[in-house]
Amino acid sequence: MHVSMSWILSATVPTPTMTVDPESVTPGFAGFVAIAILALAVVALVLDMLRRVRRAKYRSMINEELDAELAEQQGSSATGTATGESPAKE
């Protein structure tokens, strides 16, 4: 076994050689344009998402205020009838 190991270890290891010119495999201008368009699309989508989230938040706040006002009006009309007073007609 020792002999076979020495034979494997003594084998020459090939050195890797460059087969392609590193300058010719870059993405170039087309790659730059593609990434730039992708980045602009992502920024546009993020801004649109923020706008929609903000709009939804404001709508929910307004709905909560309207619900509170409606509950207050219904509560005051309910207490008015409970005390014997007639509710005000509008």
Protein backbone atom coordinates (compact mmCIF):
# COMPACT_ATOMS: atom_id res chain seq x y z
CA MET A 1 0.00 0.00 0.00
CA HIS A 2 2.87 2.30 0.77
CA VAL A 3 4.23 1.87 -2.73
CA SER A 4 0.93 2.77 -4.38
CA MET A 5 0.62 5.90 -2.26
CA SER A 6 4.09 7.05 -3.22
CA TRP A 7 3.24 6.50 -6.88
CA ILE A 8 0.04 8.61 -6.57
CA LEU A 9 1.84 11.36 -4.71
CA SER A 10 4.72 11.45 -7.16
CA ALA A 11 2.42 11.97 -10.16
CA THR A 12 2.76 15.37 -11.71
CA VAL A 13 -0.10 17.74 -11.11
CA PRO A 14 -1.00 19.78 -14.17
CA THR A 15 -1.06 23.51 -13.66
CA PRO A 16 -4.25 25.23 -14.76
CA THR A 17 -3.86 27.45 -17.76
CA MET A 18 -6.11 30.27 -18.86
CA THR A 19 -8.13 29.21 -21.88
CA VAL A 20 -10.13 32.40 -22.23
CA ASP A 21 -9.02 36.01 -22.22
CA PRO A 22 -10.38 37.57 -18.99
CA GLU A 23 -11.07 40.84 -20.81
CA SER A 24 -13.33 39.26 -23.43
CA VAL A 25 -15.73 37.53 -21.01
CA THR A 26 -17.05 40.67 -19.31
CA PRO A 27 -20.73 41.50 -19.74
CA GLY A 28 -19.83 44.76 -21.43
CA PHE A 29 -22.17 47.60 -22.23
CA ALA A 30 -25.20 45.34 -22.76
CA GLY A 31 -24.79 43.87 -19.27
CA PHE A 32 -24.47 47.33 -17.76
CA VAL A 33 -27.65 48.50 -19.51
CA ALA A 34 -29.56 45.40 -18.40
CA ILE A 35 -28.54 45.86 -14.75
CA ALA A 36 -29.32 49.60 -14.90
CA ILE A 37 -32.81 48.91 -16.25
CA LEU A 38 -33.35 46.27 -13.57
CA ALA A 39 -32.23 48.69 -10.84
CA LEU A 40 -34.57 51.42 -12.12
CA ALA A 41 -37.47 48.97 -12.22
CA VAL A 42 -36.80 47.91 -8.62
CA VAL A 43 -36.66 51.54 -7.44
CA ALA A 44 -39.93 52.31 -9.25
CA LEU A 45 -41.63 49.28 -7.69
CA VAL A 46 -40.42 50.21 -4.19
CA LEU A 47 -41.69 53.78 -4.55
CA ASP A 48 -45.06 52.53 -5.82
CA MET A 49 -45.32 50.08 -2.94
CA LEU A 50 -44.54 52.80 -0.39
CA ARG A 51 -47.17 55.06 -1.94
CA ARG A 52 -49.79 52.30 -1.79
CA VAL A 53 -48.95 51.38 1.82
CA ARG A 54 -49.13 55.02 2.89
CA ARG A 55 -52.49 55.45 1.13
CA ALA A 56 -53.88 52.32 2.79
CA LYS A 57 -52.67 53.51 6.20
CA TYR A 58 -54.34 56.90 5.79
CA ARG A 59 -57.57 55.28 4.61
CA SER A 60 -57.64 52.98 7.64
CA MET A 61 -57.02 55.93 9.96
CA ILE A 62 -59.91 57.86 8.40
CA ASN A 63 -62.18 54.81 8.59
CA GLU A 64 -61.35 54.40 12.28
CA GLU A 65 -62.19 58.07 12.93
CA LEU A 66 -65.47 57.76 11.04
CA ASP A 67 -66.35 54.58 12.93
CA ALA A 68 -65.60 56.32 16.24
CA GLU A 69 -67.78 59.30 15.28
CA LEU A 70 -70.59 56.99 14.19
CA ALA A 71 -70.36 55.01 17.43
CA GLU A 72 -70.39 58.26 19.40
CA GLN A 73 -73.48 59.48 17.56
CA GLN A 74 -75.24 56.17 18.03
CA GLY A 75 -74.20 56.10 21.67
CA SER A 76 -75.51 59.59 22.33
CA SER A 77 -78.80 58.84 20.58
CA ALA A 78 -79.14 55.60 22.56
CA THR A 79 -78.53 57.37 25.87
CA GLY A 80 -80.97 60.12 24.88
CA THR A 81 -83.78 57.60 24.45
CA ALA A 82 -82.83 55.79 27.65
CA THR A 83 -83.31 58.93 29.74
CA GLY A 84 -86.70 59.59 28.23
CA GLU A 85 -85.62 62.35 25.89
CA SER A 86 -86.53 62.10 22.26
CA PRO A 87 -83.61 61.87 19.88
CA ALA A 88 -83.03 64.97 17.82
CA LYS A 89 -84.26 64.69 14.24
CA GLU A 90 -82.01 66.02 11.56
